[in-house]
PDB file of N, CA and C in Angstrom:
ATOM      1  N   MET A   1      11.394 -23.864  18.972  1.00  0.00           N
ATOM      2  CA  MET A   1      10.553 -24.549  18.020  1.00  0.00           C
ATOM      3  C   MET A   1      11.395 -25.607  17.322  1.00  0.00           C
ATOM      4  N   LYS A   2      10.762 -26.680  16.983  1.00  0.00           N
ATOM      5  CA  LYS A   2      11.463 -27.770  16.305  1.00  0.00           C
ATOM      6  C   LYS A   2      11.654 -27.420  14.831  1.00  0.00           C
ATOM      7  N   PRO A   3      12.714 -27.935  14.214  1.00  0.00           N
ATOM      8  CA  PRO A   3      12.963 -27.642  12.799  1.00  0.00           C
ATOM      9  C   PRO A   3      11.792 -28.000  11.882  1.00  0.00           C
ATOM     10  N   GLU A   4      11.092 -29.084  12.190  1.00  0.00           N
ATOM     11  CA  GLU A   4       9.945 -29.481  11.360  1.00  0.00           C
ATOM     12  C   GLU A   4       8.836 -28.425  11.421  1.00  0.00           C
ATOM     13  N   LYS A   5       8.634 -27.850  12.589  1.00  0.00           N
ATOM     14  CA  LYS A   5       7.630 -26.789  12.763  1.00  0.00           C
ATOM     15  C   LYS A   5       8.048 -25.547  11.976  1.00  0.00           C
ATOM     16  N   PHE A   6       9.340 -25.218  12.032  1.00  0.00           N
ATOM     17  CA  PHE A   6       9.840 -24.087  11.258  1.00  0.00           C
ATOM     18  C   PHE A   6       9.548 -24.292   9.771  1.00  0.00           C
ATOM     19  N   TYR A   7       9.878 -25.468   9.265  1.00  0.00           N
ATOM     20  CA  TYR A   7       9.692 -25.753   7.836  1.00  0.00           C
ATOM     21  C   TYR A   7       8.212 -25.688   7.460  1.00  0.00           C
ATOM     22  N   HIS A   8       7.366 -26.283   8.273  1.00  0.00           N
ATOM     23  CA  HIS A   8       5.922 -26.245   8.022  1.00  0.00           C
ATOM     24  C   HIS A   8       5.408 -24.808   7.998  1.00  0.00           C
ATOM     25  N   ASP A   9       5.805 -24.016   8.979  1.00  0.00           N
ATOM     26  CA  ASP A   9       5.358 -22.621   9.049  1.00  0.00           C
ATOM     27  C   ASP A   9       5.913 -21.794   7.888  1.00  0.00           C
ATOM     28  N   ALA A  10       7.147 -22.075   7.475  1.00  0.00           N
ATOM     29  CA  ALA A  10       7.750 -21.361   6.345  1.00  0.00           C
ATOM     30  C   ALA A  10       6.973 -21.656   5.058  1.00  0.00           C
ATOM     31  N   LEU A  11       6.634 -22.926   4.850  1.00  0.00           N
ATOM     32  CA  LEU A  11       5.860 -23.291   3.655  1.00  0.00           C
ATOM     33  C   LEU A  11       4.460 -22.687   3.697  1.00  0.00           C
ATOM     34  N   THR A  12       3.877 -22.625   4.883  1.00  0.00           N
ATOM     35  CA  THR A  12       2.533 -22.059   5.023  1.00  0.00           C
ATOM     36  C   THR A  12       2.520 -20.582   4.679  1.00  0.00           C
ATOM     37  N   VAL A  13       3.443 -19.810   5.233  1.00  0.00           N
ATOM     38  CA  VAL A  13       3.467 -18.377   4.942  1.00  0.00           C
ATOM     39  C   VAL A  13       3.774 -18.135   3.461  1.00  0.00           C
ATOM     40  N   ALA A  14       4.643 -18.963   2.882  1.00  0.00           N
ATOM     41  CA  ALA A  14       4.953 -18.830   1.456  1.00  0.00           C
ATOM     42  C   ALA A  14       3.717 -19.109   0.604  1.00  0.00           C
ATOM     43  N   LYS A  15       2.968 -20.128   0.968  1.00  0.00           N
ATOM     44  CA  LYS A  15       1.745 -20.480   0.227  1.00  0.00           C
ATOM     45  C   LYS A  15       0.734 -19.339   0.279  1.00  0.00           C
ATOM     46  N   PHE A  16       0.535 -18.774   1.453  1.00  0.00           N
ATOM     47  CA  PHE A  16      -0.416 -17.680   1.619  1.00  0.00           C
ATOM     48  C   PHE A  16       0.008 -16.453   0.806  1.00  0.00           C
ATOM     49  N   ILE A  17       1.291 -16.115   0.853  1.00  0.00           N
ATOM     50  CA  ILE A  17       1.784 -14.955   0.110  1.00  0.00           C
ATOM     51  C   ILE A  17       1.671 -15.206  -1.393  1.00  0.00           C
ATOM     52  N   LYS A  18       1.945 -16.421  -1.847  1.00  0.00           N
ATOM     53  CA  LYS A  18       1.840 -16.748  -3.270  1.00  0.00           C
ATOM     54  C   LYS A  18       0.408 -16.600  -3.769  1.00  0.00           C
ATOM     55  N   ILE A  19      -0.553 -17.101  -3.024  1.00  0.00           N
ATOM     56  CA  ILE A  19      -1.962 -16.980  -3.418  1.00  0.00           C
ATOM     57  C   ILE A  19      -2.332 -15.513  -3.552  1.00  0.00           C
ATOM     58  N   TYR A  20      -1.966 -14.722  -2.563  1.00  0.00           N
ATOM     59  CA  TYR A  20      -2.283 -13.291  -2.571  1.00  0.00           C
ATOM     60  C   TYR A  20      -1.631 -12.599  -3.760  1.00  0.00           C
ATOM     61  N   CYS A  21      -0.351 -12.839  -3.970  1.00  0.00           N
ATOM     62  CA  CYS A  21       0.394 -12.173  -5.039  1.00  0.00           C
ATOM     63  C   CYS A  21      -0.144 -12.569  -6.415  1.00  0.00           C
ATOM     64  N   ASP A  22      -0.443 -13.860  -6.600  1.00  0.00           N
ATOM     65  CA  ASP A  22      -0.969 -14.318  -7.886  1.00  0.00           C
ATOM     66  C   ASP A  22      -2.268 -13.594  -8.250  1.00  0.00           C
ATOM     67  N   ASP A  23      -3.084 -13.305  -7.248  1.00  0.00           N
ATOM     68  CA  ASP A  23      -4.368 -12.645  -7.507  1.00  0.00           C
ATOM     69  C   ASP A  23      -4.275 -11.126  -7.598  1.00  0.00           C
ATOM     70  N   LYS A  24      -3.281 -10.530  -6.941  1.00  0.00           N
ATOM     71  CA  LYS A  24      -3.276  -9.069  -6.788  1.00  0.00           C
ATOM     72  C   LYS A  24      -2.209  -8.328  -7.587  1.00  0.00           C
ATOM     73  N   HIS A  25      -1.131  -9.001  -7.962  1.00  0.00           N
ATOM     74  CA  HIS A  25      -0.001  -8.282  -8.558  1.00  0.00           C
ATOM     75  C   HIS A  25       0.383  -8.822  -9.929  1.00  0.00           C
ATOM     76  N   GLU A  26       0.967  -7.959 -10.753  1.00  0.00           N
ATOM     77  CA  GLU A  26       1.299  -8.309 -12.139  1.00  0.00           C
ATOM     78  C   GLU A  26       2.768  -8.683 -12.340  1.00  0.00           C
ATOM     79  N   GLU A  27       3.661  -7.722 -12.196  1.00  0.00           N
ATOM     80  CA  GLU A  27       5.078  -7.943 -12.507  1.00  0.00           C
ATOM     81  C   GLU A  27       5.721  -8.820 -11.444  1.00  0.00           C
ATOM     82  N   LYS A  28       6.304  -9.926 -11.913  1.00  0.00           N
ATOM     83  CA  LYS A  28       6.865 -10.888 -10.967  1.00  0.00           C
ATOM     84  C   LYS A  28       8.263 -11.313 -11.374  1.00  0.00           C
ATOM     85  N   ILE A  29       9.024 -11.698 -10.368  1.00  0.00           N
ATOM     86  CA  ILE A  29      10.364 -12.233 -10.596  1.00  0.00           C
ATOM     87  C   ILE A  29      10.504 -13.515  -9.772  1.00  0.00           C
ATOM     88  N   GLU A  30      11.374 -14.392 -10.209  1.00  0.00           N
ATOM     89  CA  GLU A  30      11.593 -15.649  -9.513  1.00  0.00           C
ATOM     90  C   GLU A  30      12.797 -15.517  -8.581  1.00  0.00           C
ATOM     91  N   LYS A  31      12.616 -15.994  -7.358  1.00  0.00           N
ATOM     92  CA  LYS A  31      13.710 -16.011  -6.385  1.00  0.00           C
ATOM     93  C   LYS A  31      13.687 -17.343  -5.647  1.00  0.00           C
ATOM     94  N   THR A  32      14.866 -17.752  -5.182  1.00  0.00           N
ATOM     95  CA  THR A  32      14.988 -18.976  -4.407  1.00  0.00           C
ATOM     96  C   THR A  32      15.412 -18.626  -2.985  1.00  0.00           C
ATOM     97  N   TYR A  33      14.761 -19.254  -2.026  1.00  0.00           N
ATOM     98  CA  TYR A  33      15.048 -19.037  -0.609  1.00  0.00           C
ATOM     99  C   TYR A  33      15.664 -20.304  -0.039  1.00  0.00           C
ATOM    100  N   GLU A  34      16.833 -20.165   0.579  1.00  0.00           N
ATOM    101  CA  GLU A  34      17.465 -21.276   1.277  1.00  0.00           C
ATOM    102  C   GLU A  34      16.836 -21.333   2.667  1.00  0.00           C
ATOM    103  N   LEU A  35      16.257 -22.459   3.001  1.00  0.00           N
ATOM    104  CA  LEU A  35      15.607 -22.595   4.302  1.00  0.00           C
ATOM    105  C   LEU A  35      16.504 -23.388   5.240  1.00  0.00           C
ATOM    106  N   LYS A  36      16.994 -22.694   6.274  1.00  0.00           N
ATOM    107  CA  LYS A  36      17.873 -23.303   7.275  1.00  0.00           C
ATOM    108  C   LYS A  36      17.365 -22.907   8.657  1.00  0.00           C
ATOM    109  N   TYR A  37      17.414 -23.867   9.567  1.00  0.00           N
ATOM    110  CA  TYR A  37      16.984 -23.575  10.924  1.00  0.00           C
ATOM    111  C   TYR A  37      17.716 -24.497  11.890  1.00  0.00           C
ATOM    112  N   LYS A  38      18.390 -23.913  12.858  1.00  0.00           N
ATOM    113  CA  LYS A  38      19.132 -24.660  13.889  1.00  0.00           C
ATOM    114  C   LYS A  38      20.035 -25.715  13.271  1.00  0.00           C
ATOM    115  N   GLY A  39      20.783 -25.318  12.256  1.00  0.00           N
ATOM    116  CA  GLY A  39      21.748 -26.213  11.634  1.00  0.00           C
ATOM    117  C   GLY A  39      21.159 -27.211  10.655  1.00  0.00           C
ATOM    118  N   GLU A  40      19.854 -27.234  10.520  1.00  0.00           N
ATOM    119  CA  GLU A  40      19.212 -28.168   9.594  1.00  0.00           C
ATOM    120  C   GLU A  40      18.830 -27.432   8.312  1.00  0.00           C
ATOM    121  N   GLU A  41      19.103 -28.062   7.173  1.00  0.00           N
ATOM    122  CA  GLU A  41      18.767 -27.465   5.878  1.00  0.00           C
ATOM    123  C   GLU A  41      17.577 -28.202   5.280  1.00  0.00           C
ATOM    124  N   PHE A  42      16.695 -27.437   4.653  1.00  0.00           N
ATOM    125  CA  PHE A  42      15.518 -27.988   4.010  1.00  0.00           C
ATOM    126  C   PHE A  42      15.585 -27.706   2.516  1.00  0.00           C
ATOM    127  N   ASN A  43      14.685 -28.321   1.765  1.00  0.00           N
ATOM    128  CA  ASN A  43      14.633 -28.069   0.329  1.00  0.00           C
ATOM    129  C   ASN A  43      14.475 -26.574   0.081  1.00  0.00           C
ATOM    130  N   PRO A  44      15.236 -26.033  -0.872  1.00  0.00           N
ATOM    131  CA  PRO A  44      15.074 -24.604  -1.181  1.00  0.00           C
ATOM    132  C   PRO A  44      13.661 -24.336  -1.715  1.00  0.00           C
ATOM    133  N   LEU A  45      13.224 -23.140  -1.520  1.00  0.00           N
ATOM    134  CA  LEU A  45      11.885 -22.719  -1.924  1.00  0.00           C
ATOM    135  C   LEU A  45      12.028 -21.701  -3.046  1.00  0.00           C
ATOM    136  N   THR A  46      11.522 -22.016  -4.235  1.00  0.00           N
ATOM    137  CA  THR A  46      11.593 -21.107  -5.367  1.00  0.00           C
ATOM    138  C   THR A  46      10.191 -20.613  -5.681  1.00  0.00           C
ATOM    139  N   LEU A  47      10.023 -19.291  -5.659  1.00  0.00           N
ATOM    140  CA  LEU A  47       8.713 -18.689  -5.900  1.00  0.00           C
ATOM    141  C   LEU A  47       8.815 -17.547  -6.899  1.00  0.00           C
ATOM    142  N   THR A  48       7.747 -17.346  -7.645  1.00  0.00           N
ATOM    143  CA  THR A  48       7.642 -16.220  -8.555  1.00  0.00           C
ATOM    144  C   THR A  48       6.624 -15.257  -7.951  1.00  0.00           C
ATOM    145  N   LEU A  49       7.127 -14.133  -7.456  1.00  0.00           N
ATOM    146  CA  LEU A  49       6.306 -13.133  -6.768  1.00  0.00           C
ATOM    147  C   LEU A  49       6.723 -11.740  -7.223  1.00  0.00           C
ATOM    148  N   CYS A  50       5.913 -10.749  -6.875  1.00  0.00           N
ATOM    149  CA  CYS A  50       6.316  -9.359  -7.107  1.00  0.00           C
ATOM    150  C   CYS A  50       7.354  -8.978  -6.047  1.00  0.00           C
ATOM    151  N   GLU A  51       7.993  -7.848  -6.229  1.00  0.00           N
ATOM    152  CA  GLU A  51       9.051  -7.419  -5.307  1.00  0.00           C
ATOM    153  C   GLU A  51       8.518  -7.209  -3.883  1.00  0.00           C
ATOM    154  N   VAL A  52       7.341  -6.606  -3.754  1.00  0.00           N
ATOM    155  CA  VAL A  52       6.764  -6.359  -2.422  1.00  0.00           C
ATOM    156  C   VAL A  52       6.506  -7.680  -1.700  1.00  0.00           C
ATOM    157  N   CYS A  53       5.954  -8.654  -2.414  1.00  0.00           N
ATOM    158  CA  CYS A  53       5.667  -9.945  -1.794  1.00  0.00           C
ATOM    159  C   CYS A  53       6.950 -10.716  -1.481  1.00  0.00           C
ATOM    160  N   HIS A  54       7.968 -10.599  -2.329  1.00  0.00           N
ATOM    161  CA  HIS A  54       9.267 -11.212  -1.997  1.00  0.00           C
ATOM    162  C   HIS A  54       9.819 -10.600  -0.710  1.00  0.00           C
ATOM    163  N   ASN A  55       9.747  -9.289  -0.592  1.00  0.00           N
ATOM    164  CA  ASN A  55      10.231  -8.620   0.621  1.00  0.00           C
ATOM    165  C   ASN A  55       9.445  -9.069   1.850  1.00  0.00           C
ATOM    166  N   THR A  56       8.133  -9.209   1.694  1.00  0.00           N
ATOM    167  CA  THR A  56       7.285  -9.655   2.801  1.00  0.00           C
ATOM    168  C   THR A  56       7.646 -11.075   3.211  1.00  0.00           C
ATOM    169  N   LEU A  57       7.846 -11.951   2.232  1.00  0.00           N
ATOM    170  CA  LEU A  57       8.214 -13.330   2.543  1.00  0.00           C
ATOM    171  C   LEU A  57       9.585 -13.385   3.216  1.00  0.00           C
ATOM    172  N   PHE A  58      10.549 -12.675   2.686  1.00  0.00           N
ATOM    173  CA  PHE A  58      11.890 -12.664   3.270  1.00  0.00           C
ATOM    174  C   PHE A  58      11.829 -12.191   4.730  1.00  0.00           C
ATOM    175  N   TYR A  59      11.106 -11.113   4.978  1.00  0.00           N
ATOM    176  CA  TYR A  59      10.964 -10.578   6.334  1.00  0.00           C
ATOM    177  C   TYR A  59      10.288 -11.607   7.248  1.00  0.00           C
ATOM    178  N   SER A  60       9.235 -12.246   6.742  1.00  0.00           N
ATOM    179  CA  SER A  60       8.509 -13.235   7.538  1.00  0.00           C
ATOM    180  C   SER A  60       9.394 -14.432   7.878  1.00  0.00           C
ATOM    181  N   LEU A  61      10.185 -14.879   6.917  1.00  0.00           N
ATOM    182  CA  LEU A  61      11.094 -15.999   7.180  1.00  0.00           C
ATOM    183  C   LEU A  61      12.170 -15.620   8.196  1.00  0.00           C
ATOM    184  N   GLU A  62      12.661 -14.386   8.116  1.00  0.00           N
ATOM    185  CA  GLU A  62      13.632 -13.904   9.114  1.00  0.00           C
ATOM    186  C   GLU A  62      13.024 -13.906  10.505  1.00  0.00           C
ATOM    187  N   ARG A  63      11.804 -13.403  10.639  1.00  0.00           N
ATOM    188  CA  ARG A  63      11.122 -13.356  11.935  1.00  0.00           C
ATOM    189  C   ARG A  63      10.886 -14.768  12.460  1.00  0.00           C
ATOM    190  N   LEU A  64      10.461 -15.654  11.578  1.00  0.00           N
ATOM    191  CA  LEU A  64      10.202 -17.038  11.975  1.00  0.00           C
ATOM    192  C   LEU A  64      11.481 -17.707  12.472  1.00  0.00           C
ATOM    193  N   GLU A  65      12.568 -17.491  11.766  1.00  0.00           N
ATOM    194  CA  GLU A  65      13.847 -18.083  12.152  1.00  0.00           C
ATOM    195  C   GLU A  65      14.338 -17.530  13.487  1.00  0.00           C
ATOM    196  N   ALA A  66      14.022 -16.282  13.775  1.00  0.00           N
ATOM    197  CA  ALA A  66      14.489 -15.639  15.008  1.00  0.00           C
ATOM    198  C   ALA A  66      13.529 -15.819  16.185  1.00  0.00           C
ATOM    199  N   CYS A  67      12.429 -16.522  15.977  1.00  0.00           N
ATOM    200  CA  CYS A  67      11.439 -16.679  17.055  1.00  0.00           C
ATOM    201  C   CYS A  67      12.090 -17.343  18.269  1.00  0.00           C
ATOM    202  N   PRO A  68      12.021 -16.687  19.434  1.00  0.00           N
ATOM    203  CA  PRO A  68      12.703 -17.211  20.624  1.00  0.00           C
ATOM    204  C   PRO A  68      11.901 -18.262  21.396  1.00  0.00           C
ATOM    205  N   HIS A  69      10.657 -18.501  20.998  1.00  0.00           N
ATOM    206  CA  HIS A  69       9.788 -19.399  21.767  1.00  0.00           C
ATOM    207  C   HIS A  69      10.039 -20.864  21.421  1.00  0.00           C
ATOM    208  N   GLU A  70      10.132 -21.684  22.456  1.00  0.00           N
ATOM    209  CA  GLU A  70      10.295 -23.126  22.234  1.00  0.00           C
ATOM    210  C   GLU A  70       9.005 -23.705  21.657  1.00  0.00           C
ATOM    211  N   GLU A  71       7.879 -23.340  22.236  1.00  0.00           N
ATOM    212  CA  GLU A  71       6.556 -23.676  21.690  1.00  0.00           C
ATOM    213  C   GLU A  71       6.026 -22.417  21.045  1.00  0.00           C
ATOM    214  N   LYS A  72       6.165 -22.318  19.721  1.00  0.00           N
ATOM    215  CA  LYS A  72       5.819 -21.087  19.025  1.00  0.00           C
ATOM    216  C   LYS A  72       4.310 -20.832  19.070  1.00  0.00           C
ATOM    217  N   PRO A  73       3.921 -19.670  19.618  1.00  0.00           N
ATOM    218  CA  PRO A  73       2.500 -19.306  19.561  1.00  0.00           C
ATOM    219  C   PRO A  73       2.190 -18.707  18.188  1.00  0.00           C
ATOM    220  N   SER A  74       0.911 -18.563  17.874  1.00  0.00           N
ATOM    221  CA  SER A  74       0.597 -17.835  16.645  1.00  0.00           C
ATOM    222  C   SER A  74       1.045 -16.393  16.877  1.00  0.00           C
ATOM    223  N   CYS A  75       1.472 -15.751  15.831  1.00  0.00           N
ATOM    224  CA  CYS A  75       2.010 -14.390  15.979  1.00  0.00           C
ATOM    225  C   CYS A  75       0.972 -13.446  16.581  1.00  0.00           C
ATOM    226  N   ARG A  76      -0.290 -13.692  16.254  1.00  0.00           N
ATOM    227  CA  ARG A  76      -1.358 -12.826  16.774  1.00  0.00           C
ATOM    228  C   ARG A  76      -1.449 -12.917  18.298  1.00  0.00           C
ATOM    229  N   LYS A  77      -1.110 -14.076  18.862  1.00  0.00           N
ATOM    230  CA  LYS A  77      -1.224 -14.278  20.313  1.00  0.00           C
ATOM    231  C   LYS A  77       0.107 -14.159  21.039  1.00  0.00           C
ATOM    232  N   CYS A  78       1.156 -13.787  20.328  1.00  0.00           N
ATOM    233  CA  CYS A  78       2.492 -13.729  20.915  1.00  0.00           C
ATOM    234  C   CYS A  78       2.591 -12.615  21.967  1.00  0.00           C
ATOM    235  N   PRO A  79       3.165 -12.919  23.142  1.00  0.00           N
ATOM    236  CA  PRO A  79       3.325 -11.894  24.173  1.00  0.00           C
ATOM    237  C   PRO A  79       4.390 -10.849  23.824  1.00  0.00           C
ATOM    238  N   ASN A  80       5.328 -11.200  22.931  1.00  0.00           N
ATOM    239  CA  ASN A  80       6.388 -10.282  22.516  1.00  0.00           C
ATOM    240  C   ASN A  80       6.470 -10.235  20.990  1.00  0.00           C
ATOM    241  N   PRO A  81       5.543  -9.534  20.330  1.00  0.00           N
ATOM    242  CA  PRO A  81       5.548  -9.535  18.866  1.00  0.00           C
ATOM    243  C   PRO A  81       6.842  -8.949  18.296  1.00  0.00           C
ATOM    244  N   CYS A  82       7.366  -9.604  17.268  1.00  0.00           N
ATOM    245  CA  CYS A  82       8.629  -9.158  16.684  1.00  0.00           C
ATOM    246  C   CYS A  82       8.431  -8.461  15.335  1.00  0.00           C
ATOM    247  N   TYR A  83       7.212  -8.472  14.818  1.00  0.00           N
ATOM    248  CA  TYR A  83       6.931  -7.796  13.552  1.00  0.00           C
ATOM    249  C   TYR A  83       6.767  -6.301  13.768  1.00  0.00           C
ATOM    250  N   GLU A  84       7.275  -5.510  12.813  1.00  0.00           N
ATOM    251  CA  GLU A  84       6.968  -4.080  12.807  1.00  0.00           C
ATOM    252  C   GLU A  84       5.481  -3.950  12.496  1.00  0.00           C
ATOM    253  N   LYS A  85       4.849  -2.936  13.051  1.00  0.00           N
ATOM    254  CA  LYS A  85       3.395  -2.808  12.953  1.00  0.00           C
ATOM    255  C   LYS A  85       2.895  -2.787  11.493  1.00  0.00           C
ATOM    256  N   ASP A  86       3.543  -2.010  10.623  1.00  0.00           N
ATOM    257  CA  ASP A  86       3.106  -1.929   9.225  1.00  0.00           C
ATOM    258  C   ASP A  86       3.246  -3.268   8.518  1.00  0.00           C
ATOM    259  N   ARG A  87       4.334  -3.957   8.783  1.00  0.00           N
ATOM    260  CA  ARG A  87       4.539  -5.262   8.143  1.00  0.00           C
ATOM    261  C   ARG A  87       3.563  -6.293   8.676  1.00  0.00           C
ATOM    262  N   TRP A  88       3.243  -6.195   9.966  1.00  0.00           N
ATOM    263  CA  TRP A  88       2.270  -7.101  10.549  1.00  0.00           C
ATOM    264  C   TRP A  88       0.906  -6.882   9.904  1.00  0.00           C
ATOM    265  N   LYS A  89       0.524  -5.630   9.706  1.00  0.00           N
ATOM    266  CA  LYS A  89      -0.770  -5.330   9.083  1.00  0.00           C
ATOM    267  C   LYS A  89      -0.846  -5.887   7.666  1.00  0.00           C
ATOM    268  N   LEU A  90       0.243  -5.752   6.905  1.00  0.00           N
ATOM    269  CA  LEU A  90       0.269  -6.289   5.542  1.00  0.00           C
ATOM    270  C   LEU A  90       0.150  -7.809   5.567  1.00  0.00           C
ATOM    271  N   LEU A  91       0.900  -8.469   6.430  1.00  0.00           N
ATOM    272  CA  LEU A  91       0.837  -9.928   6.482  1.00  0.00           C
ATOM    273  C   LEU A  91      -0.538 -10.396   6.968  1.00  0.00           C
ATOM    274  N   ALA A  92      -1.130  -9.696   7.904  1.00  0.00           N
ATOM    275  CA  ALA A  92      -2.475 -10.051   8.372  1.00  0.00           C
ATOM    276  C   ALA A  92      -3.477  -9.943   7.218  1.00  0.00           C
ATOM    277  N   LYS A  93      -3.347  -8.911   6.400  1.00  0.00           N
ATOM    278  CA  LYS A  93      -4.212  -8.738   5.223  1.00  0.00           C
ATOM    279  C   LYS A  93      -4.020  -9.896   4.242  1.00  0.00           C
ATOM    280  N   ILE A  94      -2.766 -10.273   4.008  1.00  0.00           N
ATOM    281  CA  ILE A  94      -2.449 -11.385   3.109  1.00  0.00           C
ATOM    282  C   ILE A  94      -3.024 -12.687   3.647  1.00  0.00           C
ATOM    283  N   MET A  95      -2.824 -12.950   4.935  1.00  0.00           N
ATOM    284  CA  MET A  95      -3.310 -14.190   5.546  1.00  0.00           C
ATOM    285  C   MET A  95      -4.839 -14.263   5.512  1.00  0.00           C
ATOM    286  N   LYS A  96      -5.489 -13.154   5.770  1.00  0.00           N
ATOM    287  CA  LYS A  96      -6.953 -13.135   5.752  1.00  0.00           C
ATOM    288  C   LYS A  96      -7.465 -13.435   4.346  1.00  0.00           C
ATOM    289  N   TYR A  97      -6.902 -12.759   3.346  1.00  0.00           N
ATOM    290  CA  TYR A  97      -7.333 -12.953   1.959  1.00  0.00           C
ATOM    291  C   TYR A  97      -7.102 -14.402   1.529  1.00  0.00           C
ATOM    292  N   SER A  98      -5.899 -14.893   1.738  1.00  0.00           N
ATOM    293  CA  SER A  98      -5.549 -16.241   1.285  1.00  0.00           C
ATOM    294  C   SER A  98      -6.303 -17.310   2.073  1.00  0.00           C
ATOM    295  N   GLY A  99      -6.482 -17.080   3.354  1.00  0.00           N
ATOM    296  CA  GLY A  99      -7.227 -18.032   4.173  1.00  0.00           C
ATOM    297  C   GLY A  99      -8.662 -18.174   3.706  1.00  0.00           C
ATOM    298  N   MET A 100      -9.286 -17.041   3.370  1.00  0.00           N
ATOM    299  CA  MET A 100     -10.649 -17.072   2.840  1.00  0.00           C
ATOM    300  C   MET A 100     -10.674 -17.827   1.520  1.00  0.00           C
ATOM    301  N   LYS A 101      -9.717 -17.558   0.669  1.00  0.00           N
ATOM    302  CA  LYS A 101      -9.676 -18.203  -0.640  1.00  0.00           C
ATOM    303  C   LYS A 101      -9.466 -19.713  -0.491  1.00  0.00           C
ATOM    304  N   LEU A 102      -8.568 -20.125   0.387  1.00  0.00           N
ATOM    305  CA  LEU A 102      -8.347 -21.550   0.613  1.00  0.00           C
ATOM    306  C   LEU A 102      -9.586 -22.219   1.191  1.00  0.00           C
ATOM    307  N   GLY A 103     -10.265 -21.530   2.088  1.00  0.00           N
ATOM    308  CA  GLY A 103     -11.500 -22.067   2.667  1.00  0.00           C
ATOM    309  C   GLY A 103     -12.570 -22.271   1.607  1.00  0.00           C
ATOM    310  N   LEU A 104     -12.691 -21.313   0.696  1.00  0.00           N
ATOM    311  CA  LEU A 104     -13.682 -21.434  -0.371  1.00  0.00           C
ATOM    312  C   LEU A 104     -13.329 -22.568  -1.324  1.00  0.00           C
ATOM    313  N   LEU A 105     -12.051 -22.776  -1.577  1.00  0.00           N
ATOM    314  CA  LEU A 105     -11.627 -23.882  -2.446  1.00  0.00           C
ATOM    315  C   LEU A 105     -11.973 -25.227  -1.815  1.00  0.00           C
ATOM    316  N   LYS A 106     -11.804 -25.351  -0.512  1.00  0.00           N
ATOM    317  CA  LYS A 106     -12.143 -26.601   0.173  1.00  0.00           C
ATOM    318  C   LYS A 106     -13.635 -26.872   0.087  1.00  0.00           C
ATOM    319  N   ILE A 107     -14.432 -25.834   0.258  1.00  0.00           N
ATOM    320  CA  ILE A 107     -15.885 -25.998   0.172  1.00  0.00           C
ATOM    321  C   ILE A 107     -16.284 -26.431  -1.238  1.00  0.00           C
ATOM    322  N   ARG A 108     -15.691 -25.791  -2.245  1.00  0.00           N
ATOM    323  CA  ARG A 108     -15.983 -26.166  -3.638  1.00  0.00           C
ATOM    324  C   ARG A 108     -15.640 -27.628  -3.894  1.00  0.00           C
ATOM    325  N   LYS A 109     -14.493 -28.081  -3.392  1.00  0.00           N
ATOM    326  CA  LYS A 109     -14.084 -29.476  -3.588  1.00  0.00           C
ATOM    327  C   LYS A 109     -15.058 -30.442  -2.923  1.00  0.00           C
ATOM    328  N   MET A 110     -15.586 -30.071  -1.764  1.00  0.00           N
ATOM    329  CA  MET A 110     -16.547 -30.930  -1.060  1.00  0.00           C
ATOM    330  C   MET A 110     -17.801 -31.121  -1.921  1.00  0.00           C
ATOM    331  N   PHE A 111     -18.270 -30.041  -2.541  1.00  0.00           N
ATOM    332  CA  PHE A 111     -19.483 -30.142  -3.345  1.00  0.00           C
ATOM    333  C   PHE A 111     -19.236 -30.898  -4.642  1.00  0.00           C
ATOM    334  N   LYS A 112     -18.026 -30.820  -5.196  1.00  0.00           N
ATOM    335  CA  LYS A 112     -17.711 -31.551  -6.422  1.00  0.00           C
ATOM    336  C   LYS A 112     -17.671 -33.050  -6.176  1.00  0.00           C
ATOM    337  N   ARG A 113     -17.254 -33.460  -4.985  1.00  0.00           N
ATOM    338  CA  ARG A 113     -17.174 -34.881  -4.643  1.00  0.00           C
ATOM    339  C   ARG A 113     -18.563 -35.482  -4.445  1.00  0.00           C
ATOM    340  N   ALA A 114     -19.484 -34.676  -3.971  1.00  0.00           N
ATOM    341  CA  ALA A 114     -20.829 -35.178  -3.637  1.00  0.00           C
ATOM    342  C   ALA A 114     -21.651 -35.492  -4.862  1.00  0.00           C
TER     343      ALA A 114
END
């Protein structure tokens, strides 16, 4: 995968986890993630999340960085999934919740413009 794709995917998973955590969890701490891929460094990512969501993001970034595919498939369609089953289920739940919320926000914005 190209470094730009890594960075885009890293920001996407972080955004989804942040939306979920902001709506579902109370106690939060701020952490900064250094984003590096194939020798290229990107802007650090600083997020305020609960401990569980920080762990989920850290794990997801590790998996993304270790992805062996040149053309990265979506994790759901990957022939060799690298996520542990429990962690995959949690991330799928987060992605579904946040994806629905983002979709509803886009629809609301469309109606406000009209």
